[in-house]
C-alpha cells in the first residue's frame, strides 16, 4: 500500500477546522477566477458532468471501469450522553478503499468533519484520463455548508493531490490535463497533472 504523503500547508476553515492541501511533484496548482454555473442543486452531484463517474453509498462495492471502490461508513452516535460518564464518545472516520484487479491500492480515512453524521452520506468518484494515465478523483461531503474532502490518486494508488475545501459549494470541471474547481464567488483552483510516464 502506498505511503500516505504529508501536508503541503494548512488554512483555517470558517468553522475553525484546519484544512490541508497535498500536492505531489506531478501536480501544478494555479488560482483561477471564472464564472460559476450551478448546474446541480443536489450536494451529491458534484462530479455528474465527468465522463466516467459513480456514487458510492456504502452498502456494496461499486465498479468504475477498472477500479472497484468501497466506502465504509461506521454508524456514529455523537449526540447524547456517553454510556459512561468517564468515557468519551468515539467518532470514527469514514474509509474509502480503491482496488484494481483484486489488489488494494488505497485505504484512506475521511474525517467526520467532511462527511457529517447522517447515514445517507455518499462518496462521489470519477475517473480522469490525462495522456495515457488514469487517475481516480474522490469527493466526500455531507452538506453544502460543510467542508469537502477531495483526493486524486494515480492508477498505482499513490496520492497525487488532496485538499480539504471549506464548504460544499464547488463546481468541478474535467480537463484533458486535470481538473478545475470554482466556488460560487468564481474563485478556485486549476489542478494540472503531469503524468510520470
C-alpha atoms as a PDB file:
ATOM      1  CA  UNK A   1       0.000   0.000   0.000  1.00  0.00           C
ATOM      2  CA  UNK A   2       1.439   3.433  -0.860  1.00  0.00           C
ATOM      3  CA  UNK A   3       2.743   5.601   1.948  1.00  0.00           C
ATOM      4  CA  UNK A   4       0.382   8.493   2.554  1.00  0.00           C
ATOM      5  CA  UNK A   5       2.036  11.856   1.856  1.00  0.00           C
ATOM      6  CA  UNK A   6       2.469  14.793   4.196  1.00  0.00           C
ATOM      7  CA  UNK A   7       0.588  18.065   4.009  1.00  0.00           C
ATOM      8  CA  UNK A   8       1.819  20.997   1.943  1.00  0.00           C
ATOM      9  CA  UNK A   9       0.097  23.691   4.029  1.00  0.00           C
ATOM     10  CA  UNK A  10      -2.885  24.295   6.285  1.00  0.00           C
ATOM     11  CA  UNK A  11      -5.524  27.004   6.404  1.00  0.00           C
ATOM     12  CA  UNK A  12      -8.413  27.510   8.789  1.00  0.00           C
ATOM     13  CA  UNK A  13     -11.973  26.917   7.669  1.00  0.00           C
ATOM     14  CA  UNK A  14     -14.730  29.258   8.904  1.00  0.00           C
ATOM     15  CA  UNK A  15     -15.607  26.604  11.496  1.00  0.00           C
ATOM     16  CA  UNK A  16     -12.040  26.594  12.824  1.00  0.00           C
ATOM     17  CA  UNK A  17     -11.005  23.205  11.402  1.00  0.00           C
ATOM     18  CA  UNK A  18      -7.578  23.019   9.760  1.00  0.00           C
ATOM     19  CA  UNK A  19      -7.897  22.274   6.043  1.00  0.00           C
ATOM     20  CA  UNK A  20      -4.795  20.854   4.427  1.00  0.00           C
ATOM     21  CA  UNK A  21      -3.538  20.523   0.882  1.00  0.00           C
ATOM     22  CA  UNK A  22      -1.071  17.980  -0.500  1.00  0.00           C
ATOM     23  CA  UNK A  23       0.492  18.214  -3.975  1.00  0.00           C
ATOM     24  CA  UNK A  24       2.704  15.532  -5.442  1.00  0.00           C
ATOM     25  CA  UNK A  25       5.590  16.587  -7.670  1.00  0.00           C
ATOM     26  CA  UNK A  26       3.497  15.893 -10.760  1.00  0.00           C
ATOM     27  CA  UNK A  27       0.843  18.476  -9.812  1.00  0.00           C
ATOM     28  CA  UNK A  28       0.801  22.190 -10.518  1.00  0.00           C
ATOM     29  CA  UNK A  29      -1.947  24.324  -8.964  1.00  0.00           C
ATOM     30  CA  UNK A  30      -2.887  27.840 -10.012  1.00  0.00           C
ATOM     31  CA  UNK A  31      -5.591  30.137  -8.712  1.00  0.00           C
ATOM     32  CA  UNK A  32      -8.397  30.890 -11.185  1.00  0.00           C
ATOM     33  CA  UNK A  33     -11.341  33.225 -11.430  1.00  0.00           C
ATOM     34  CA  UNK A  34     -14.199  32.290 -13.735  1.00  0.00           C
ATOM     35  CA  UNK A  35     -17.964  32.170 -13.858  1.00  0.00           C
ATOM     36  CA  UNK A  36     -19.688  29.726 -11.533  1.00  0.00           C
ATOM     37  CA  UNK A  37     -22.713  27.963 -13.037  1.00  0.00           C
ATOM     38  CA  UNK A  38     -24.759  25.995 -10.528  1.00  0.00           C
ATOM     39  CA  UNK A  39     -25.940  23.004 -12.564  1.00  0.00           C
ATOM     40  CA  UNK A  40     -26.968  20.561  -9.872  1.00  0.00           C
ATOM     41  CA  UNK A  41     -28.903  21.549  -6.741  1.00  0.00           C
ATOM     42  CA  UNK A  42     -28.080  18.229  -5.035  1.00  0.00           C
ATOM     43  CA  UNK A  43     -24.896  18.262  -2.908  1.00  0.00           C
ATOM     44  CA  UNK A  44     -24.199  14.692  -4.059  1.00  0.00           C
ATOM     45  CA  UNK A  45     -23.900  15.588  -7.752  1.00  0.00           C
ATOM     46  CA  UNK A  46     -20.575  17.423  -7.890  1.00  0.00           C
ATOM     47  CA  UNK A  47     -18.994  15.043 -10.431  1.00  0.00           C
ATOM     48  CA  UNK A  48     -22.018  14.304 -12.615  1.00  0.00           C
ATOM     49  CA  UNK A  49     -20.544  16.214 -15.576  1.00  0.00           C
ATOM     50  CA  UNK A  50     -17.421  13.986 -15.690  1.00  0.00           C
ATOM     51  CA  UNK A  51     -17.362  11.394 -18.471  1.00  0.00           C
ATOM     52  CA  UNK A  52     -16.914   8.462 -16.046  1.00  0.00           C
ATOM     53  CA  UNK A  53     -18.353   8.903 -12.562  1.00  0.00           C
ATOM     54  CA  UNK A  54     -20.251   6.989  -9.890  1.00  0.00           C
ATOM     55  CA  UNK A  55     -21.732   7.461  -6.440  1.00  0.00           C
ATOM     56  CA  UNK A  56     -20.927   5.008  -3.659  1.00  0.00           C
ATOM     57  CA  UNK A  57     -23.443   4.882  -0.822  1.00  0.00           C
ATOM     58  CA  UNK A  58     -21.541   2.445   1.364  1.00  0.00           C
ATOM     59  CA  UNK A  59     -23.743  -0.627   1.027  1.00  0.00           C
ATOM     60  CA  UNK A  60     -21.761  -2.511  -1.631  1.00  0.00           C
ATOM     61  CA  UNK A  61     -18.509  -2.002  -3.581  1.00  0.00           C
ATOM     62  CA  UNK A  62     -19.039  -0.204  -6.891  1.00  0.00           C
ATOM     63  CA  UNK A  63     -17.086  -0.684 -10.118  1.00  0.00           C
ATOM     64  CA  UNK A  64     -15.787   2.283 -12.105  1.00  0.00           C
ATOM     65  CA  UNK A  65     -14.248   0.685 -15.196  1.00  0.00           C
ATOM     66  CA  UNK A  66     -11.008  -0.997 -13.948  1.00  0.00           C
ATOM     67  CA  UNK A  67     -11.390   0.250 -10.363  1.00  0.00           C
ATOM     68  CA  UNK A  68     -13.578  -1.038  -7.526  1.00  0.00           C
ATOM     69  CA  UNK A  69     -14.467   1.490  -4.834  1.00  0.00           C
ATOM     70  CA  UNK A  70     -15.691   0.630  -1.351  1.00  0.00           C
ATOM     71  CA  UNK A  71     -16.982   3.294   1.035  1.00  0.00           C
ATOM     72  CA  UNK A  72     -17.229   2.224   4.672  1.00  0.00           C
ATOM     73  CA  UNK A  73     -19.490   4.373   6.830  1.00  0.00           C
ATOM     74  CA  UNK A  74     -19.471   3.480  10.531  1.00  0.00           C
ATOM     75  CA  UNK A  75     -22.577   4.365  12.500  1.00  0.00           C
ATOM     76  CA  UNK A  76     -21.964   7.420  14.639  1.00  0.00           C
ATOM     77  CA  UNK A  77     -23.621   8.237  17.912  1.00  0.00           C
ATOM     78  CA  UNK A  78     -22.053  11.540  18.922  1.00  0.00           C
ATOM     79  CA  UNK A  79     -25.265  13.128  20.239  1.00  0.00           C
ATOM     80  CA  UNK A  80     -26.468  12.421  23.728  1.00  0.00           C
ATOM     81  CA  UNK A  81     -24.570  11.429  26.852  1.00  0.00           C
ATOM     82  CA  UNK A  82     -21.741   8.940  26.787  1.00  0.00           C
ATOM     83  CA  UNK A  83     -22.598   5.459  28.124  1.00  0.00           C
ATOM     84  CA  UNK A  84     -20.199   6.013  30.990  1.00  0.00           C
ATOM     85  CA  UNK A  85     -19.532   9.476  32.394  1.00  0.00           C
ATOM     86  CA  UNK A  86     -15.797   8.712  32.448  1.00  0.00           C
ATOM     87  CA  UNK A  87     -15.614   7.632  28.772  1.00  0.00           C
ATOM     88  CA  UNK A  88     -15.584   9.580  25.537  1.00  0.00           C
ATOM     89  CA  UNK A  89     -17.897   9.034  22.570  1.00  0.00           C
ATOM     90  CA  UNK A  90     -15.924   7.752  19.586  1.00  0.00           C
ATOM     91  CA  UNK A  91     -16.436   9.350  16.156  1.00  0.00           C
ATOM     92  CA  UNK A  92     -14.589   7.100  13.720  1.00  0.00           C
ATOM     93  CA  UNK A  93     -13.989   8.440  10.234  1.00  0.00           C
ATOM     94  CA  UNK A  94     -15.381   7.027   7.040  1.00  0.00           C
ATOM     95  CA  UNK A  95     -12.999   4.994   4.913  1.00  0.00           C
ATOM     96  CA  UNK A  96     -12.505   4.789   1.162  1.00  0.00           C
ATOM     97  CA  UNK A  97     -10.856   1.751  -0.419  1.00  0.00           C
ATOM     98  CA  UNK A  98      -9.856   1.507  -4.063  1.00  0.00           C
ATOM     99  CA  UNK A  99      -8.758  -1.724  -5.684  1.00  0.00           C
ATOM    100  CA  UNK A 100      -7.848  -2.863  -9.169  1.00  0.00           C
ATOM    101  CA  UNK A 101      -7.516  -6.479 -10.368  1.00  0.00           C
ATOM    102  CA  UNK A 102      -8.305  -7.688  -6.811  1.00  0.00           C
ATOM    103  CA  UNK A 103      -5.350  -5.726  -5.407  1.00  0.00           C
ATOM    104  CA  UNK A 104      -5.964  -2.969  -2.850  1.00  0.00           C
ATOM    105  CA  UNK A 105      -4.387   0.298  -3.982  1.00  0.00           C
ATOM    106  CA  UNK A 106      -5.802   2.811  -1.487  1.00  0.00           C
ATOM    107  CA  UNK A 107      -7.202   2.660   2.015  1.00  0.00           C
ATOM    108  CA  UNK A 108      -7.719   6.109   3.486  1.00  0.00           C
ATOM    109  CA  UNK A 109      -9.805   7.551   6.315  1.00  0.00           C
ATOM    110  CA  UNK A 110     -12.003  10.603   5.853  1.00  0.00           C
ATOM    111  CA  UNK A 111     -12.525  12.754   8.948  1.00  0.00           C
ATOM    112  CA  UNK A 112     -16.131  13.129  10.195  1.00  0.00           C
ATOM    113  CA  UNK A 113     -15.852  16.906   9.749  1.00  0.00           C
ATOM    114  CA  UNK A 114     -16.141  16.355   5.990  1.00  0.00           C
ATOM    115  CA  UNK A 115     -18.950  13.813   5.902  1.00  0.00           C
ATOM    116  CA  UNK A 116     -21.234  14.646   8.802  1.00  0.00           C
ATOM    117  CA  UNK A 117     -23.284  12.259  10.915  1.00  0.00           C
ATOM    118  CA  UNK A 118     -26.124  11.272   8.578  1.00  0.00           C
ATOM    119  CA  UNK A 119     -26.436   7.653   7.483  1.00  0.00           C
ATOM    120  CA  UNK A 120     -27.252   8.625   3.868  1.00  0.00           C
ATOM    121  CA  UNK A 121     -23.869  10.278   3.196  1.00  0.00           C
ATOM    122  CA  UNK A 122     -22.211   9.161  -0.047  1.00  0.00           C
ATOM    123  CA  UNK A 123     -18.884   9.308  -1.816  1.00  0.00           C
ATOM    124  CA  UNK A 124     -18.545  10.527  -5.403  1.00  0.00           C
ATOM    125  CA  UNK A 125     -15.832   9.093  -7.634  1.00  0.00           C
ATOM    126  CA  UNK A 126     -14.718   9.967 -11.170  1.00  0.00           C
ATOM    127  CA  UNK A 127     -12.061   8.539 -13.445  1.00  0.00           C
ATOM    128  CA  UNK A 128      -9.705  11.037 -15.096  1.00  0.00           C
ATOM    129  CA  UNK A 129      -7.603  10.371 -18.161  1.00  0.00           C
ATOM    130  CA  UNK A 130      -4.513  12.545 -18.559  1.00  0.00           C
ATOM    131  CA  UNK A 131      -2.409  11.480 -21.514  1.00  0.00           C
ATOM    132  CA  UNK A 132      -2.153   7.693 -21.285  1.00  0.00           C
ATOM    133  CA  UNK A 133      -2.506   7.671 -17.485  1.00  0.00           C
ATOM    134  CA  UNK A 134      -5.679   7.053 -15.468  1.00  0.00           C
ATOM    135  CA  UNK A 135      -6.460   8.773 -12.167  1.00  0.00           C
ATOM    136  CA  UNK A 136      -9.254   8.397  -9.620  1.00  0.00           C
ATOM    137  CA  UNK A 137     -10.892  11.547  -8.218  1.00  0.00           C
ATOM    138  CA  UNK A 138     -12.845  11.150  -4.966  1.00  0.00           C
ATOM    139  CA  UNK A 139     -15.095  13.697  -3.241  1.00  0.00           C
ATOM    140  CA  UNK A 140     -16.821  13.381   0.148  1.00  0.00           C
ATOM    141  CA  UNK A 141     -19.213  15.982   1.546  1.00  0.00           C
ATOM    142  CA  UNK A 142     -22.195  15.736   3.864  1.00  0.00           C
ATOM    143  CA  UNK A 143     -23.918  19.079   3.231  1.00  0.00           C
ATOM    144  CA  UNK A 144     -23.202  22.197   1.200  1.00  0.00           C
ATOM    145  CA  UNK A 145     -22.276  24.184   4.315  1.00  0.00           C
ATOM    146  CA  UNK A 146     -19.801  21.515   5.493  1.00  0.00           C
ATOM    147  CA  UNK A 147     -16.135  21.243   4.467  1.00  0.00           C
ATOM    148  CA  UNK A 148     -15.459  18.968   1.491  1.00  0.00           C
ATOM    149  CA  UNK A 149     -12.747  16.320   1.158  1.00  0.00           C
ATOM    150  CA  UNK A 150     -11.168  15.779  -2.272  1.00  0.00           C
ATOM    151  CA  UNK A 151      -8.376  13.405  -3.278  1.00  0.00           C
ATOM    152  CA  UNK A 152      -6.857  12.312  -6.592  1.00  0.00           C
ATOM    153  CA  UNK A 153      -4.968   9.007  -6.833  1.00  0.00           C
ATOM    154  CA  UNK A 154      -2.793   7.594  -9.589  1.00  0.00           C
ATOM    155  CA  UNK A 155      -3.571   4.155 -11.055  1.00  0.00           C
ATOM    156  CA  UNK A 156      -0.999   2.597  -8.687  1.00  0.00           C
ATOM    157  CA  UNK A 157      -2.772   4.072  -5.625  1.00  0.00           C
ATOM    158  CA  UNK A 158      -0.282   6.831  -4.860  1.00  0.00           C
ATOM    159  CA  UNK A 159      -1.780  10.144  -3.775  1.00  0.00           C
ATOM    160  CA  UNK A 160      -1.432  12.848  -6.419  1.00  0.00           C
ATOM    161  CA  UNK A 161      -3.489  15.655  -4.857  1.00  0.00           C
ATOM    162  CA  UNK A 162      -5.536  16.036  -1.697  1.00  0.00           C
ATOM    163  CA  UNK A 163      -7.320  19.038  -0.241  1.00  0.00           C
ATOM    164  CA  UNK A 164      -9.895  19.975   2.355  1.00  0.00           C
ATOM    165  CA  UNK A 165     -12.205  22.653   0.939  1.00  0.00           C
ATOM    166  CA  UNK A 166     -14.046  24.992   3.343  1.00  0.00           C
ATOM    167  CA  UNK A 167     -17.586  24.216   2.091  1.00  0.00           C
ATOM    168  CA  UNK A 168     -19.509  22.110  -0.427  1.00  0.00           C
ATOM    169  CA  UNK A 169     -20.415  24.843  -2.939  1.00  0.00           C
ATOM    170  CA  UNK A 170     -17.960  23.858  -5.686  1.00  0.00           C
ATOM    171  CA  UNK A 171     -18.247  23.297  -9.416  1.00  0.00           C
ATOM    172  CA  UNK A 172     -15.744  20.764 -10.759  1.00  0.00           C
ATOM    173  CA  UNK A 173     -14.755  20.617 -14.426  1.00  0.00           C
ATOM    174  CA  UNK A 174     -12.834  17.852 -16.159  1.00  0.00           C
ATOM    175  CA  UNK A 175      -9.962  18.889 -18.449  1.00  0.00           C
ATOM    176  CA  UNK A 176      -7.597  16.898 -20.660  1.00  0.00           C
ATOM    177  CA  UNK A 177      -4.763  17.738 -18.252  1.00  0.00           C
ATOM    178  CA  UNK A 178      -6.544  17.731 -14.873  1.00  0.00           C
ATOM    179  CA  UNK A 179      -9.476  19.484 -13.198  1.00  0.00           C
ATOM    180  CA  UNK A 180     -10.647  22.902 -12.125  1.00  0.00           C
ATOM    181  CA  UNK A 181     -12.813  23.746  -9.130  1.00  0.00           C
ATOM    182  CA  UNK A 182     -14.624  27.043  -8.632  1.00  0.00           C
ATOM    183  CA  UNK A 183     -16.865  28.192  -5.782  1.00  0.00           C
ATOM    184  CA  UNK A 184     -19.908  30.472  -6.014  1.00  0.00           C
ATOM    185  CA  UNK A 185     -17.723  33.610  -5.902  1.00  0.00           C
ATOM    186  CA  UNK A 186     -15.981  32.437  -9.095  1.00  0.00           C
ATOM    187  CA  UNK A 187     -12.693  31.816  -7.290  1.00  0.00           C
ATOM    188  CA  UNK A 188     -10.956  28.480  -7.291  1.00  0.00           C
ATOM    189  CA  UNK A 189      -8.058  26.305  -8.352  1.00  0.00           C
ATOM    190  CA  UNK A 190      -6.863  24.744 -11.571  1.00  0.00           C
ATOM    191  CA  UNK A 191      -5.093  21.433 -10.905  1.00  0.00           C
ATOM    192  CA  UNK A 192      -2.763  20.427 -13.727  1.00  0.00           C
ATOM    193  CA  UNK A 193      -1.440  16.844 -13.631  1.00  0.00           C
ATOM    194  CA  UNK A 194       1.743  15.863 -15.443  1.00  0.00           C
ATOM    195  CA  UNK A 195       1.819  12.079 -15.998  1.00  0.00           C
ATOM    196  CA  UNK A 196       5.054  10.500 -14.767  1.00  0.00           C
ATOM    197  CA  UNK A 197       5.322   8.081 -17.721  1.00  0.00           C
END
